[in-house]
Amino acid sequence: MKTDVTTELLKLYFTGELSNIIKRLKAKNKRQLSDDIYCTLYGIDYSIIKPGKVNTHSDPTGNRAAKIADLYYERLVEIERYQEIMKEVEDFLKELNRSDRIIIQSLVLDQPLTNVAKETGIYYEKARRRAHQLINIARNKLTPP
């Protein structure tokens, strides 16, 4: 099956990887940074910097601290976005009945649809058509990141 953003999101949800991503990002934001991260003594080679006709100075440590603070808030935005995606997927799956959830899960996880016939009583051909209908519905309902 050709993968797109929607099927990748559904695959991340069904495999549990989406919640793992959220947990990892939260753990990264909770972790305290050591003081060595702010040290820029060995990060910049000042021998190649040639000031022009400008009488200014730079503050590499302050610049680095500002970038690290930006990273923290960028992660917060990323966590919120993944949580929104997870909620959208959960809301979409709540609207479906049991057999439709089984069909879409087997299609997204590349499981054979013949197993769906055993679990739901739906024949293979009907399950295949329904799976593609469900993916199209999911594409319309789930917003890409």
N, C-alpha and C. Protein backbone atom coordinates (compact mmCIF):
# COMPACT_ATOMS: atom_id res chain seq x y z
N MET A 1 0.83 -1.17 0.00
CA MET A 1 0.00 0.00 0.00
C MET A 1 0.88 1.25 0.00
N LYS A 2 0.49 2.23 -0.78
CA LYS A 2 1.24 3.47 -0.85
C LYS A 2 1.03 4.25 0.45
N THR A 3 2.13 4.68 1.05
CA THR A 3 2.01 5.38 2.32
C THR A 3 1.97 6.88 2.09
N ASP A 4 1.18 7.54 2.88
CA ASP A 4 1.14 8.99 2.89
C ASP A 4 1.12 9.44 4.35
N VAL A 5 0.90 10.71 4.58
CA VAL A 5 0.96 11.25 5.94
C VAL A 5 -0.10 10.61 6.83
N THR A 6 -1.31 10.46 6.30
CA THR A 6 -2.40 9.91 7.10
C THR A 6 -2.12 8.48 7.51
N THR A 7 -1.68 7.65 6.58
CA THR A 7 -1.41 6.26 6.93
C THR A 7 -0.22 6.16 7.88
N GLU A 8 0.75 7.05 7.74
CA GLU A 8 1.88 7.05 8.68
C GLU A 8 1.42 7.43 10.09
N LEU A 9 0.53 8.42 10.18
CA LEU A 9 -0.01 8.81 11.49
C LEU A 9 -0.79 7.66 12.12
N LEU A 10 -1.61 7.00 11.32
CA LEU A 10 -2.37 5.87 11.84
C LEU A 10 -1.45 4.73 12.26
N LYS A 11 -0.40 4.51 11.48
CA LYS A 11 0.56 3.46 11.83
C LYS A 11 1.27 3.79 13.14
N LEU A 12 1.68 5.05 13.30
CA LEU A 12 2.31 5.47 14.56
C LEU A 12 1.35 5.28 15.73
N TYR A 13 0.08 5.55 15.51
CA TYR A 13 -0.90 5.39 16.59
C TYR A 13 -1.10 3.91 16.94
N PHE A 14 -1.31 3.08 15.94
CA PHE A 14 -1.60 1.66 16.19
C PHE A 14 -0.41 0.92 16.78
N THR A 15 0.80 1.33 16.43
CA THR A 15 1.98 0.65 16.98
C THR A 15 2.37 1.20 18.35
N GLY A 16 1.76 2.31 18.76
CA GLY A 16 2.09 2.91 20.05
C GLY A 16 3.28 3.84 19.98
N GLU A 17 3.81 4.06 18.80
CA GLU A 17 4.99 4.91 18.64
C GLU A 17 4.65 6.39 18.87
N LEU A 18 3.42 6.78 18.58
CA LEU A 18 3.02 8.17 18.78
C LEU A 18 3.09 8.56 20.25
N SER A 19 2.60 7.70 21.13
CA SER A 19 2.69 8.00 22.57
C SER A 19 4.14 7.94 23.05
N ASN A 20 4.95 7.06 22.44
CA ASN A 20 6.38 7.01 22.80
C ASN A 20 7.10 8.30 22.40
N ILE A 21 6.75 8.86 21.26
CA ILE A 21 7.35 10.12 20.81
C ILE A 21 7.02 11.23 21.80
N ILE A 22 5.76 11.28 22.23
CA ILE A 22 5.34 12.30 23.20
C ILE A 22 6.10 12.13 24.51
N LYS A 23 6.24 10.89 24.97
CA LYS A 23 6.96 10.63 26.23
C LYS A 23 8.43 11.05 26.11
N ARG A 24 9.06 10.73 24.97
CA ARG A 24 10.47 11.09 24.78
C ARG A 24 10.66 12.60 24.77
N LEU A 25 9.77 13.32 24.08
CA LEU A 25 9.90 14.77 24.03
C LEU A 25 9.68 15.40 25.40
N LYS A 26 8.73 14.87 26.16
CA LYS A 26 8.50 15.38 27.52
C LYS A 26 9.72 15.11 28.40
N ALA A 27 10.32 13.93 28.25
CA ALA A 27 11.50 13.60 29.05
C ALA A 27 12.67 14.51 28.70
N LYS A 28 12.82 14.84 27.42
CA LYS A 28 13.90 15.75 27.01
C LYS A 28 13.71 17.13 27.61
N ASN A 29 12.47 17.59 27.68
CA ASN A 29 12.23 18.91 28.24
C ASN A 29 12.40 18.94 29.76
N LYS A 30 12.15 17.83 30.43
CA LYS A 30 12.29 17.79 31.89
C LYS A 30 13.75 17.69 32.31
N ARG A 31 14.57 17.11 31.45
CA ARG A 31 15.98 16.90 31.80
C ARG A 31 16.70 18.24 31.93
N GLN A 32 17.45 18.39 33.01
CA GLN A 32 18.22 19.61 33.23
C GLN A 32 19.47 19.58 32.36
N LEU A 33 19.81 20.72 31.82
CA LEU A 33 21.00 20.83 30.98
C LEU A 33 22.19 21.20 31.85
N SER A 34 23.33 20.62 31.53
CA SER A 34 24.54 20.94 32.30
C SER A 34 25.09 22.29 31.87
N ASP A 35 25.94 22.85 32.69
CA ASP A 35 26.53 24.15 32.38
C ASP A 35 27.49 24.09 31.20
N ASP A 36 28.00 22.90 30.89
CA ASP A 36 28.92 22.76 29.76
C ASP A 36 28.25 23.10 28.43
N ILE A 37 26.95 22.94 28.35
CA ILE A 37 26.25 23.23 27.10
C ILE A 37 26.33 24.71 26.77
N TYR A 38 26.34 25.56 27.80
CA TYR A 38 26.38 27.00 27.58
C TYR A 38 27.78 27.52 27.27
N CYS A 39 28.81 26.72 27.52
CA CYS A 39 30.18 27.14 27.29
C CYS A 39 30.48 27.13 25.79
N THR A 40 30.96 28.26 25.29
CA THR A 40 31.24 28.36 23.86
C THR A 40 32.72 28.59 23.58
N LEU A 41 33.58 28.33 24.54
CA LEU A 41 35.01 28.59 24.35
C LEU A 41 35.60 27.78 23.21
N TYR A 42 35.19 26.53 23.10
CA TYR A 42 35.76 25.66 22.08
C TYR A 42 34.84 25.50 20.87
N GLY A 43 33.73 26.18 20.88
CA GLY A 43 32.76 26.02 19.81
C GLY A 43 33.02 26.90 18.60
N ILE A 44 33.71 28.01 18.80
CA ILE A 44 33.93 28.96 17.71
C ILE A 44 35.42 29.20 17.54
N ASP A 45 35.87 29.13 16.32
CA ASP A 45 37.27 29.43 16.01
C ASP A 45 37.36 30.92 15.68
N TYR A 46 37.87 31.70 16.64
CA TYR A 46 37.91 33.15 16.46
C TYR A 46 39.01 33.61 15.51
N SER A 47 39.92 32.73 15.14
CA SER A 47 41.02 33.15 14.27
C SER A 47 40.54 33.46 12.86
N ILE A 48 39.42 32.90 12.44
CA ILE A 48 38.96 33.15 11.08
C ILE A 48 37.95 34.30 11.01
N ILE A 49 37.55 34.82 12.16
CA ILE A 49 36.58 35.91 12.16
C ILE A 49 37.33 37.22 11.92
N LYS A 50 36.93 37.91 10.89
CA LYS A 50 37.56 39.18 10.55
C LYS A 50 36.49 40.27 10.61
N PRO A 51 36.54 41.09 11.65
CA PRO A 51 35.52 42.14 11.74
C PRO A 51 35.71 43.16 10.62
N GLY A 52 34.61 43.63 10.12
CA GLY A 52 34.66 44.64 9.07
C GLY A 52 34.75 46.02 9.68
N LYS A 53 34.08 46.95 9.08
CA LYS A 53 34.13 48.33 9.56
C LYS A 53 33.01 48.58 10.58
N VAL A 54 32.73 47.57 11.37
CA VAL A 54 31.65 47.68 12.35
C VAL A 54 32.27 47.61 13.74
N ASN A 55 31.85 48.50 14.59
CA ASN A 55 32.38 48.53 15.95
C ASN A 55 31.35 47.89 16.89
N THR A 56 31.24 46.57 16.83
CA THR A 56 30.29 45.86 17.68
C THR A 56 30.99 44.71 18.37
N HIS A 57 30.31 44.10 19.28
CA HIS A 57 30.85 42.92 19.95
C HIS A 57 29.77 41.83 19.91
N SER A 58 30.21 40.62 20.09
CA SER A 58 29.25 39.52 20.09
C SER A 58 29.21 38.89 21.47
N ASP A 59 28.13 38.24 21.76
CA ASP A 59 27.96 37.54 23.02
C ASP A 59 27.57 36.10 22.69
N PRO A 60 28.57 35.25 22.37
CA PRO A 60 28.24 33.89 21.95
C PRO A 60 27.54 33.08 23.03
N THR A 61 27.88 33.30 24.30
CA THR A 61 27.24 32.55 25.37
C THR A 61 25.77 32.95 25.51
N GLY A 62 25.50 34.24 25.43
CA GLY A 62 24.12 34.71 25.49
C GLY A 62 23.30 34.22 24.31
N ASN A 63 23.93 34.24 23.13
CA ASN A 63 23.26 33.74 21.93
C ASN A 63 22.94 32.26 22.09
N ARG A 64 23.89 31.50 22.62
CA ARG A 64 23.69 30.07 22.82
C ARG A 64 22.56 29.81 23.83
N ALA A 65 22.52 30.59 24.90
CA ALA A 65 21.47 30.44 25.91
C ALA A 65 20.10 30.73 25.31
N ALA A 66 20.03 31.74 24.45
CA ALA A 66 18.75 32.07 23.81
C ALA A 66 18.30 30.95 22.88
N LYS A 67 19.25 30.35 22.15
CA LYS A 67 18.90 29.25 21.25
C LYS A 67 18.43 28.03 22.04
N ILE A 68 19.05 27.76 23.18
CA ILE A 68 18.64 26.62 24.01
C ILE A 68 17.24 26.86 24.56
N ALA A 69 16.94 28.10 24.96
CA ALA A 69 15.59 28.41 25.43
C ALA A 69 14.57 28.24 24.31
N ASP A 70 14.96 28.64 23.09
CA ASP A 70 14.09 28.43 21.94
C ASP A 70 13.84 26.95 21.70
N LEU A 71 14.85 26.13 21.86
CA LEU A 71 14.67 24.68 21.69
C LEU A 71 13.63 24.14 22.66
N TYR A 72 13.67 24.61 23.89
CA TYR A 72 12.72 24.17 24.91
C TYR A 72 11.28 24.49 24.46
N TYR A 73 11.05 25.72 24.02
CA TYR A 73 9.70 26.11 23.63
C TYR A 73 9.29 25.48 22.31
N GLU A 74 10.23 25.23 21.41
CA GLU A 74 9.90 24.51 20.18
C GLU A 74 9.46 23.09 20.49
N ARG A 75 10.10 22.46 21.46
CA ARG A 75 9.68 21.11 21.87
C ARG A 75 8.29 21.14 22.48
N LEU A 76 7.99 22.18 23.26
CA LEU A 76 6.64 22.28 23.83
C LEU A 76 5.59 22.38 22.73
N VAL A 77 5.87 23.16 21.70
CA VAL A 77 4.94 23.27 20.58
C VAL A 77 4.82 21.93 19.87
N GLU A 78 5.94 21.23 19.71
CA GLU A 78 5.92 19.92 19.05
C GLU A 78 5.12 18.90 19.87
N ILE A 79 5.28 18.94 21.19
CA ILE A 79 4.52 18.04 22.06
C ILE A 79 3.02 18.31 21.93
N GLU A 80 2.65 19.59 21.94
CA GLU A 80 1.24 19.95 21.79
C GLU A 80 0.69 19.47 20.45
N ARG A 81 1.48 19.59 19.40
CA ARG A 81 1.02 19.15 18.07
C ARG A 81 0.81 17.65 18.03
N TYR A 82 1.75 16.88 18.59
CA TYR A 82 1.59 15.43 18.62
C TYR A 82 0.39 15.03 19.47
N GLN A 83 0.14 15.75 20.56
CA GLN A 83 -1.03 15.45 21.39
C GLN A 83 -2.33 15.75 20.63
N GLU A 84 -2.33 16.82 19.84
CA GLU A 84 -3.50 17.13 19.01
C GLU A 84 -3.73 16.03 17.98
N ILE A 85 -2.65 15.56 17.36
CA ILE A 85 -2.76 14.48 16.38
C ILE A 85 -3.33 13.23 17.04
N MET A 86 -2.82 12.90 18.22
CA MET A 86 -3.29 11.71 18.92
C MET A 86 -4.78 11.83 19.25
N LYS A 87 -5.21 13.01 19.67
CA LYS A 87 -6.62 13.21 19.98
C LYS A 87 -7.48 13.11 18.72
N GLU A 88 -7.00 13.67 17.61
CA GLU A 88 -7.74 13.59 16.35
C GLU A 88 -7.91 12.14 15.91
N VAL A 89 -6.84 11.36 16.01
CA VAL A 89 -6.91 9.95 15.61
C VAL A 89 -7.86 9.19 16.52
N GLU A 90 -7.78 9.44 17.83
CA GLU A 90 -8.68 8.76 18.77
C GLU A 90 -10.13 9.13 18.50
N ASP A 91 -10.40 10.40 18.23
CA ASP A 91 -11.77 10.82 17.92
C ASP A 91 -12.27 10.17 16.63
N PHE A 92 -11.39 10.09 15.64
CA PHE A 92 -11.77 9.44 14.38
C PHE A 92 -12.09 7.97 14.60
N LEU A 93 -11.26 7.29 15.38
CA LEU A 93 -11.48 5.86 15.61
C LEU A 93 -12.71 5.60 16.49
N LYS A 94 -13.06 6.55 17.35
CA LYS A 94 -14.27 6.39 18.17
C LYS A 94 -15.53 6.41 17.32
N GLU A 95 -15.47 7.14 16.21
CA GLU A 95 -16.63 7.23 15.31
C GLU A 95 -16.86 5.92 14.56
N LEU A 96 -15.84 5.10 14.43
CA LEU A 96 -15.95 3.87 13.66
C LEU A 96 -16.48 2.73 14.52
N ASN A 97 -17.13 1.78 13.86
CA ASN A 97 -17.54 0.59 14.60
C ASN A 97 -16.38 -0.39 14.68
N ARG A 98 -16.57 -1.48 15.40
CA ARG A 98 -15.49 -2.43 15.68
C ARG A 98 -14.89 -3.01 14.40
N SER A 99 -15.74 -3.42 13.47
CA SER A 99 -15.22 -4.05 12.25
C SER A 99 -14.42 -3.05 11.41
N ASP A 100 -14.87 -1.79 11.37
CA ASP A 100 -14.12 -0.78 10.61
C ASP A 100 -12.76 -0.51 11.25
N ARG A 101 -12.71 -0.50 12.58
CA ARG A 101 -11.42 -0.31 13.26
C ARG A 101 -10.47 -1.46 12.95
N ILE A 102 -10.99 -2.67 12.94
CA ILE A 102 -10.15 -3.84 12.62
C ILE A 102 -9.66 -3.76 11.18
N ILE A 103 -10.55 -3.35 10.28
CA ILE A 103 -10.18 -3.25 8.86
C ILE A 103 -9.08 -2.20 8.66
N ILE A 104 -9.27 -1.02 9.21
CA ILE A 104 -8.28 0.04 9.00
C ILE A 104 -6.96 -0.29 9.69
N GLN A 105 -7.02 -0.94 10.84
CA GLN A 105 -5.79 -1.33 11.53
C GLN A 105 -5.02 -2.36 10.73
N SER A 106 -5.72 -3.33 10.17
CA SER A 106 -5.02 -4.36 9.40
C SER A 106 -4.43 -3.78 8.12
N LEU A 107 -5.12 -2.82 7.50
CA LEU A 107 -4.60 -2.21 6.28
C LEU A 107 -3.37 -1.35 6.58
N VAL A 108 -3.44 -0.56 7.63
CA VAL A 108 -2.33 0.34 7.97
C VAL A 108 -1.11 -0.45 8.42
N LEU A 109 -1.31 -1.52 9.17
CA LEU A 109 -0.19 -2.32 9.67
C LEU A 109 0.25 -3.41 8.70
N ASP A 110 -0.25 -3.36 7.48
CA ASP A 110 0.11 -4.32 6.42
C ASP A 110 -0.17 -5.77 6.82
N GLN A 111 -1.28 -5.97 7.50
CA GLN A 111 -1.70 -7.33 7.83
C GLN A 111 -2.66 -7.79 6.74
N PRO A 112 -2.70 -9.08 6.47
CA PRO A 112 -3.60 -9.56 5.41
C PRO A 112 -5.07 -9.35 5.79
N LEU A 113 -5.85 -8.92 4.82
CA LEU A 113 -7.27 -8.68 5.07
C LEU A 113 -8.06 -9.98 5.20
N THR A 114 -7.43 -11.11 4.91
CA THR A 114 -8.13 -12.39 5.09
C THR A 114 -8.38 -12.65 6.57
N ASN A 115 -7.51 -12.15 7.44
CA ASN A 115 -7.73 -12.30 8.87
C ASN A 115 -8.94 -11.49 9.33
N VAL A 116 -9.21 -10.39 8.63
CA VAL A 116 -10.36 -9.56 8.97
C VAL A 116 -11.65 -10.33 8.75
N ALA A 117 -11.68 -11.12 7.69
CA ALA A 117 -12.88 -11.91 7.40
C ALA A 117 -13.17 -12.88 8.53
N LYS A 118 -12.14 -13.43 9.12
CA LYS A 118 -12.34 -14.36 10.23
C LYS A 118 -12.88 -13.64 11.47
N GLU A 119 -12.37 -12.45 11.74
CA GLU A 119 -12.75 -11.73 12.96
C GLU A 119 -14.09 -11.02 12.84
N THR A 120 -14.38 -10.48 11.67
CA THR A 120 -15.58 -9.65 11.53
C THR A 120 -16.68 -10.30 10.71
N GLY A 121 -16.37 -11.32 9.96
CA GLY A 121 -17.38 -11.95 9.12
C GLY A 121 -17.57 -11.23 7.79
N ILE A 122 -16.73 -10.25 7.50
CA ILE A 122 -16.80 -9.52 6.24
C ILE A 122 -15.89 -10.21 5.24
N TYR A 123 -16.38 -10.42 4.03
CA TYR A 123 -15.58 -11.09 3.02
C TYR A 123 -14.43 -10.20 2.56
N TYR A 124 -13.42 -10.83 1.99
CA TYR A 124 -12.18 -10.15 1.63
C TYR A 124 -12.43 -8.97 0.70
N GLU A 125 -13.19 -9.18 -0.36
CA GLU A 125 -13.38 -8.14 -1.36
C GLU A 125 -14.10 -6.93 -0.75
N LYS A 126 -15.09 -7.19 0.06
CA LYS A 126 -15.81 -6.10 0.71
C LYS A 126 -14.91 -5.38 1.72
N ALA A 127 -14.08 -6.14 2.44
CA ALA A 127 -13.16 -5.56 3.41
C ALA A 127 -12.13 -4.68 2.70
N ARG A 128 -11.66 -5.11 1.54
CA ARG A 128 -10.67 -4.34 0.79
C ARG A 128 -11.26 -3.00 0.34
N ARG A 129 -12.49 -3.06 -0.20
CA ARG A 129 -13.14 -1.82 -0.64
C ARG A 129 -13.40 -0.89 0.55
N ARG A 130 -13.86 -1.47 1.64
CA ARG A 130 -14.15 -0.66 2.83
C ARG A 130 -12.88 -0.05 3.41
N ALA A 131 -11.77 -0.77 3.34
CA ALA A 131 -10.50 -0.25 3.85
C ALA A 131 -10.08 1.00 3.10
N HIS A 132 -10.21 0.99 1.80
CA HIS A 132 -9.83 2.16 1.01
C HIS A 132 -10.80 3.32 1.24
N GLN A 133 -12.08 3.01 1.46
CA GLN A 133 -13.03 4.07 1.80
C GLN A 133 -12.65 4.72 3.13
N LEU A 134 -12.28 3.88 4.09
CA LEU A 134 -11.92 4.39 5.42
C LEU A 134 -10.65 5.24 5.37
N ILE A 135 -9.69 4.83 4.57
CA ILE A 135 -8.46 5.63 4.43
C ILE A 135 -8.79 6.99 3.82
N ASN A 136 -9.67 7.02 2.82
CA ASN A 136 -10.06 8.30 2.22
C ASN A 136 -10.79 9.18 3.23
N ILE A 137 -11.65 8.58 4.06
CA ILE A 137 -12.33 9.34 5.11
C ILE A 137 -11.31 9.89 6.10
N ALA A 138 -10.33 9.06 6.46
CA ALA A 138 -9.29 9.49 7.40
C ALA A 138 -8.48 10.63 6.82
N ARG A 139 -8.18 10.59 5.53
CA ARG A 139 -7.42 11.67 4.89
C ARG A 139 -8.17 12.99 4.99
N ASN A 140 -9.50 12.93 4.89
CA ASN A 140 -10.30 14.15 4.97
C ASN A 140 -10.41 14.67 6.40
N LYS A 141 -10.44 13.76 7.38
CA LYS A 141 -10.67 14.18 8.77
C LYS A 141 -9.39 14.54 9.50
N LEU A 142 -8.31 13.84 9.24
CA LEU A 142 -7.07 14.07 9.97
C LEU A 142 -6.25 15.12 9.26
N THR A 143 -5.83 16.13 9.99
CA THR A 143 -5.03 17.19 9.39
C THR A 143 -3.57 16.80 9.43
N PRO A 144 -2.83 17.06 8.37
CA PRO A 144 -1.41 16.73 8.38
C PRO A 144 -0.64 17.63 9.33
N PRO A 145 0.49 17.14 9.85
CA PRO A 145 1.27 17.95 10.80
C PRO A 145 1.96 19.12 10.14
